[in-house]
Amino acid sequence: MITITKEANFLTLINVFTVDPINQQKLVDLLTLATEISVRQITGFISSSLHRSIDGTKVTMYAQWKSIEDYQNMRSNSTASPYLEEALKIAKFEPGMYEVVETFLPTVN
């Protein structure tokens, strides 16, 4: 189960890909394959969640890594990098590194 908590002190990545709607599913499939075959095998990977926009123009991946160094190791990994290169042929990539500041749950009445 994926847990988002400020106490974990993981590196959080929120990566937004802008894509032509005709290529949205292709991008989802590519990122799924990359994560299944390569990324999740790399030391320091915690979890990721893949999202697609309803209008077909965006694909967003929320990922957690133990550290910036672990994430950078993945980016330089020869098995992971070809997937990003392929994604960049059909989408614009806007990466972002974050830390969890707070989480909120519903109040119970």
N, C-alpha and C. Protein backbone atom coordinates (compact mmCIF):
# COMPACT_ATOMS: atom_id res chain seq x y z
N MET A 1 0.83 -1.18 0.00
CA MET A 1 0.00 0.00 0.00
C MET A 1 0.88 1.24 0.00
N ILE A 2 0.51 2.20 -0.82
CA ILE A 2 1.24 3.45 -0.90
C ILE A 2 0.83 4.34 0.26
N THR A 3 1.82 4.88 0.96
CA THR A 3 1.56 5.76 2.08
C THR A 3 2.24 7.09 1.83
N ILE A 4 1.48 8.16 1.96
CA ILE A 4 2.04 9.50 1.83
C ILE A 4 2.02 10.13 3.21
N THR A 5 3.21 10.42 3.72
CA THR A 5 3.32 11.00 5.05
C THR A 5 4.57 11.87 5.14
N LYS A 6 4.46 12.97 5.83
CA LYS A 6 5.62 13.85 5.96
C LYS A 6 6.70 13.23 6.84
N GLU A 7 6.34 12.31 7.71
CA GLU A 7 7.31 11.68 8.60
C GLU A 7 8.28 10.75 7.86
N ALA A 8 7.87 10.25 6.70
CA ALA A 8 8.72 9.31 5.97
C ALA A 8 9.97 9.98 5.40
N ASN A 9 9.90 11.26 5.10
CA ASN A 9 11.04 12.02 4.60
C ASN A 9 11.62 11.45 3.30
N PHE A 10 10.73 10.98 2.39
CA PHE A 10 11.16 10.50 1.09
C PHE A 10 11.21 11.66 0.10
N LEU A 11 11.94 11.44 -0.99
CA LEU A 11 11.90 12.36 -2.12
C LEU A 11 10.63 12.04 -2.90
N THR A 12 9.83 13.05 -3.16
CA THR A 12 8.61 12.88 -3.95
C THR A 12 8.80 13.54 -5.30
N LEU A 13 8.47 12.81 -6.34
CA LEU A 13 8.52 13.35 -7.69
C LEU A 13 7.10 13.43 -8.24
N ILE A 14 6.76 14.56 -8.79
CA ILE A 14 5.50 14.71 -9.50
C ILE A 14 5.88 15.14 -10.91
N ASN A 15 5.79 14.19 -11.82
CA ASN A 15 6.23 14.40 -13.19
C ASN A 15 5.01 14.48 -14.10
N VAL A 16 4.90 15.59 -14.80
CA VAL A 16 3.75 15.83 -15.68
C VAL A 16 4.23 15.75 -17.12
N PHE A 17 3.56 14.91 -17.89
CA PHE A 17 3.82 14.79 -19.32
C PHE A 17 2.63 15.38 -20.06
N THR A 18 2.88 16.28 -20.99
CA THR A 18 1.84 16.82 -21.85
C THR A 18 1.93 16.07 -23.16
N VAL A 19 0.79 15.58 -23.62
CA VAL A 19 0.78 14.67 -24.76
C VAL A 19 -0.44 14.94 -25.64
N ASP A 20 -0.33 14.67 -26.92
CA ASP A 20 -1.48 14.72 -27.81
C ASP A 20 -2.42 13.59 -27.38
N PRO A 21 -3.72 13.85 -27.28
CA PRO A 21 -4.65 12.80 -26.82
C PRO A 21 -4.53 11.48 -27.58
N ILE A 22 -4.14 11.54 -28.83
CA ILE A 22 -4.00 10.31 -29.61
C ILE A 22 -2.87 9.42 -29.08
N ASN A 23 -1.91 10.03 -28.36
CA ASN A 23 -0.76 9.29 -27.81
C ASN A 23 -0.83 9.05 -26.32
N GLN A 24 -1.92 9.45 -25.67
CA GLN A 24 -1.98 9.32 -24.21
C GLN A 24 -1.85 7.86 -23.77
N GLN A 25 -2.61 6.96 -24.36
CA GLN A 25 -2.56 5.56 -23.94
C GLN A 25 -1.19 4.95 -24.24
N LYS A 26 -0.58 5.33 -25.36
CA LYS A 26 0.76 4.86 -25.70
C LYS A 26 1.75 5.28 -24.61
N LEU A 27 1.63 6.52 -24.14
CA LEU A 27 2.51 7.01 -23.09
C LEU A 27 2.25 6.27 -21.77
N VAL A 28 1.00 6.07 -21.43
CA VAL A 28 0.65 5.31 -20.21
C VAL A 28 1.27 3.91 -20.29
N ASP A 29 1.13 3.27 -21.43
CA ASP A 29 1.68 1.92 -21.60
C ASP A 29 3.20 1.92 -21.48
N LEU A 30 3.85 2.91 -22.06
CA LEU A 30 5.30 3.03 -22.01
C LEU A 30 5.79 3.24 -20.58
N LEU A 31 5.15 4.16 -19.84
CA LEU A 31 5.55 4.42 -18.46
C LEU A 31 5.26 3.23 -17.55
N THR A 32 4.18 2.53 -17.83
CA THR A 32 3.86 1.32 -17.06
C THR A 32 4.94 0.27 -17.29
N LEU A 33 5.29 0.05 -18.53
CA LEU A 33 6.33 -0.92 -18.87
C LEU A 33 7.66 -0.54 -18.23
N ALA A 34 8.03 0.72 -18.34
CA ALA A 34 9.29 1.18 -17.75
C ALA A 34 9.33 0.92 -16.25
N THR A 35 8.23 1.19 -15.58
CA THR A 35 8.18 1.01 -14.12
C THR A 35 8.20 -0.48 -13.76
N GLU A 36 7.40 -1.27 -14.47
CA GLU A 36 7.33 -2.71 -14.18
C GLU A 36 8.66 -3.41 -14.42
N ILE A 37 9.30 -3.13 -15.55
CA ILE A 37 10.49 -3.87 -15.97
C ILE A 37 11.78 -3.32 -15.36
N SER A 38 11.84 -2.01 -15.19
CA SER A 38 13.12 -1.41 -14.81
C SER A 38 13.07 -0.64 -13.49
N VAL A 39 12.30 0.42 -13.45
CA VAL A 39 12.37 1.39 -12.35
C VAL A 39 12.13 0.74 -10.99
N ARG A 40 11.13 -0.10 -10.89
CA ARG A 40 10.81 -0.67 -9.57
C ARG A 40 11.87 -1.64 -9.06
N GLN A 41 12.80 -2.03 -9.92
CA GLN A 41 13.89 -2.93 -9.53
C GLN A 41 15.10 -2.19 -8.96
N ILE A 42 15.11 -0.88 -9.09
CA ILE A 42 16.28 -0.08 -8.73
C ILE A 42 16.25 0.27 -7.23
N THR A 43 17.39 0.15 -6.61
CA THR A 43 17.52 0.44 -5.17
C THR A 43 17.02 1.84 -4.86
N GLY A 44 16.21 1.94 -3.81
CA GLY A 44 15.71 3.23 -3.35
C GLY A 44 14.30 3.55 -3.82
N PHE A 45 13.77 2.77 -4.77
CA PHE A 45 12.41 2.99 -5.23
C PHE A 45 11.43 2.60 -4.13
N ILE A 46 10.47 3.49 -3.83
CA ILE A 46 9.47 3.23 -2.80
C ILE A 46 8.14 2.86 -3.46
N SER A 47 7.62 3.75 -4.30
CA SER A 47 6.34 3.50 -4.95
C SER A 47 6.10 4.55 -6.03
N SER A 48 5.12 4.27 -6.87
CA SER A 48 4.68 5.27 -7.84
C SER A 48 3.22 5.04 -8.17
N SER A 49 2.58 6.09 -8.62
CA SER A 49 1.18 6.05 -9.06
C SER A 49 1.10 6.81 -10.38
N LEU A 50 0.44 6.21 -11.34
CA LEU A 50 0.33 6.78 -12.67
C LEU A 50 -1.10 7.29 -12.87
N HIS A 51 -1.21 8.50 -13.39
CA HIS A 51 -2.51 9.15 -13.58
C HIS A 51 -2.62 9.64 -15.02
N ARG A 52 -3.83 9.60 -15.57
CA ARG A 52 -4.06 10.21 -16.87
C ARG A 52 -5.20 11.20 -16.75
N SER A 53 -5.09 12.30 -17.48
CA SER A 53 -6.12 13.33 -17.41
C SER A 53 -7.35 12.87 -18.20
N ILE A 54 -8.49 13.33 -17.77
CA ILE A 54 -9.75 12.99 -18.42
C ILE A 54 -9.79 13.52 -19.85
N ASP A 55 -9.17 14.69 -20.09
CA ASP A 55 -9.21 15.28 -21.44
C ASP A 55 -8.17 14.68 -22.39
N GLY A 56 -7.33 13.77 -21.90
CA GLY A 56 -6.37 13.09 -22.76
C GLY A 56 -5.06 13.81 -23.00
N THR A 57 -4.86 14.98 -22.42
CA THR A 57 -3.68 15.78 -22.74
C THR A 57 -2.53 15.67 -21.74
N LYS A 58 -2.74 14.98 -20.64
CA LYS A 58 -1.69 14.89 -19.62
C LYS A 58 -1.60 13.46 -19.08
N VAL A 59 -0.38 13.11 -18.69
CA VAL A 59 -0.11 11.89 -17.93
C VAL A 59 0.80 12.34 -16.80
N THR A 60 0.45 11.98 -15.58
CA THR A 60 1.22 12.41 -14.42
C THR A 60 1.63 11.20 -13.60
N MET A 61 2.89 11.19 -13.19
CA MET A 61 3.37 10.12 -12.32
C MET A 61 3.83 10.71 -11.00
N TYR A 62 3.28 10.18 -9.93
CA TYR A 62 3.68 10.52 -8.57
C TYR A 62 4.58 9.38 -8.11
N ALA A 63 5.81 9.69 -7.72
CA ALA A 63 6.74 8.64 -7.31
C ALA A 63 7.48 9.04 -6.04
N GLN A 64 7.84 8.03 -5.27
CA GLN A 64 8.60 8.25 -4.05
C GLN A 64 9.90 7.44 -4.12
N TRP A 65 10.98 8.11 -3.71
CA TRP A 65 12.30 7.50 -3.66
C TRP A 65 12.89 7.75 -2.27
N LYS A 66 13.75 6.86 -1.82
CA LYS A 66 14.38 7.03 -0.50
C LYS A 66 15.23 8.29 -0.45
N SER A 67 15.87 8.65 -1.58
CA SER A 67 16.75 9.82 -1.57
C SER A 67 16.91 10.37 -2.98
N ILE A 68 17.42 11.58 -3.06
CA ILE A 68 17.74 12.19 -4.36
C ILE A 68 18.80 11.35 -5.08
N GLU A 69 19.76 10.84 -4.33
CA GLU A 69 20.82 10.03 -4.93
C GLU A 69 20.25 8.77 -5.58
N ASP A 70 19.30 8.12 -4.91
CA ASP A 70 18.68 6.93 -5.49
C ASP A 70 17.94 7.27 -6.77
N TYR A 71 17.23 8.39 -6.77
CA TYR A 71 16.52 8.82 -7.97
C TYR A 71 17.52 9.12 -9.10
N GLN A 72 18.60 9.81 -8.79
CA GLN A 72 19.59 10.13 -9.82
C GLN A 72 20.25 8.87 -10.37
N ASN A 73 20.45 7.87 -9.52
CA ASN A 73 20.98 6.59 -10.00
C ASN A 73 20.02 5.94 -11.00
N MET A 74 18.73 6.05 -10.75
CA MET A 74 17.75 5.51 -11.68
C MET A 74 17.83 6.25 -13.01
N ARG A 75 17.93 7.58 -12.95
CA ARG A 75 17.96 8.38 -14.18
C ARG A 75 19.19 8.04 -15.04
N SER A 76 20.28 7.63 -14.40
CA SER A 76 21.48 7.29 -15.17
C SER A 76 21.56 5.79 -15.48
N ASN A 77 20.58 5.03 -15.04
CA ASN A 77 20.57 3.59 -15.26
C ASN A 77 20.28 3.29 -16.73
N SER A 78 21.10 2.47 -17.34
CA SER A 78 20.97 2.19 -18.77
C SER A 78 19.70 1.43 -19.12
N THR A 79 19.10 0.72 -18.18
CA THR A 79 17.85 0.02 -18.49
C THR A 79 16.64 0.93 -18.37
N ALA A 80 16.74 1.99 -17.60
CA ALA A 80 15.61 2.90 -17.41
C ALA A 80 15.59 4.04 -18.42
N SER A 81 16.74 4.56 -18.79
CA SER A 81 16.81 5.75 -19.63
C SER A 81 16.18 5.62 -21.02
N PRO A 82 16.24 4.47 -21.69
CA PRO A 82 15.60 4.39 -23.01
C PRO A 82 14.09 4.64 -22.98
N TYR A 83 13.45 4.31 -21.88
CA TYR A 83 12.00 4.54 -21.77
C TYR A 83 11.68 6.03 -21.74
N LEU A 84 12.47 6.79 -20.99
CA LEU A 84 12.25 8.23 -20.94
C LEU A 84 12.53 8.85 -22.30
N GLU A 85 13.58 8.40 -22.96
CA GLU A 85 13.88 8.91 -24.29
C GLU A 85 12.72 8.64 -25.26
N GLU A 86 12.13 7.47 -25.17
CA GLU A 86 10.98 7.13 -26.02
C GLU A 86 9.77 8.01 -25.67
N ALA A 87 9.55 8.23 -24.38
CA ALA A 87 8.44 9.08 -23.94
C ALA A 87 8.59 10.50 -24.47
N LEU A 88 9.82 11.00 -24.49
CA LEU A 88 10.06 12.37 -24.93
C LEU A 88 9.84 12.56 -26.43
N LYS A 89 9.72 11.47 -27.16
CA LYS A 89 9.41 11.56 -28.59
C LYS A 89 7.93 11.92 -28.82
N ILE A 90 7.09 11.61 -27.83
CA ILE A 90 5.65 11.85 -28.00
C ILE A 90 5.07 12.81 -26.97
N ALA A 91 5.87 13.25 -25.99
CA ALA A 91 5.34 14.09 -24.92
C ALA A 91 6.37 15.09 -24.43
N LYS A 92 5.88 16.17 -23.87
CA LYS A 92 6.72 17.16 -23.19
C LYS A 92 6.76 16.78 -21.71
N PHE A 93 7.93 16.82 -21.11
CA PHE A 93 8.15 16.34 -19.75
C PHE A 93 8.44 17.51 -18.83
N GLU A 94 7.67 17.65 -17.75
CA GLU A 94 7.89 18.68 -16.74
C GLU A 94 8.09 18.00 -15.39
N PRO A 95 9.35 17.74 -15.01
CA PRO A 95 9.62 17.07 -13.74
C PRO A 95 9.57 18.03 -12.56
N GLY A 96 9.31 17.48 -11.39
CA GLY A 96 9.34 18.28 -10.18
C GLY A 96 9.70 17.43 -8.97
N MET A 97 10.60 17.93 -8.14
CA MET A 97 10.99 17.26 -6.89
C MET A 97 10.33 17.99 -5.73
N TYR A 98 9.73 17.22 -4.83
CA TYR A 98 8.97 17.80 -3.73
C TYR A 98 9.25 17.06 -2.43
N GLU A 99 8.83 17.67 -1.34
CA GLU A 99 8.77 16.99 -0.05
C GLU A 99 7.34 17.15 0.45
N VAL A 100 6.86 16.12 1.13
CA VAL A 100 5.51 16.18 1.69
C VAL A 100 5.53 17.12 2.89
N VAL A 101 4.68 18.12 2.87
CA VAL A 101 4.61 19.09 3.95
C VAL A 101 3.52 18.71 4.93
N GLU A 102 2.39 18.25 4.39
CA GLU A 102 1.26 17.90 5.25
C GLU A 102 0.34 16.97 4.48
N THR A 103 -0.40 16.16 5.20
CA THR A 103 -1.47 15.34 4.61
C THR A 103 -2.74 15.60 5.39
N PHE A 104 -3.87 15.41 4.74
CA PHE A 104 -5.17 15.69 5.36
C PHE A 104 -6.12 14.52 5.16
N LEU A 105 -6.86 14.21 6.17
CA LEU A 105 -7.88 13.19 6.14
C LEU A 105 -9.23 13.83 6.45
N PRO A 106 -10.32 13.20 6.05
CA PRO A 106 -11.62 13.79 6.35
C PRO A 106 -11.89 13.77 7.85
N THR A 107 -12.67 14.73 8.31
CA THR A 107 -13.09 14.71 9.70
C THR A 107 -14.26 13.74 9.82
N VAL A 108 -14.33 13.06 10.94
CA VAL A 108 -15.40 12.11 11.16
C VAL A 108 -16.47 12.77 12.03
N ASN A 109 -17.69 12.76 11.57
CA ASN A 109 -18.79 13.36 12.35
C ASN A 109 -19.46 12.38 13.24
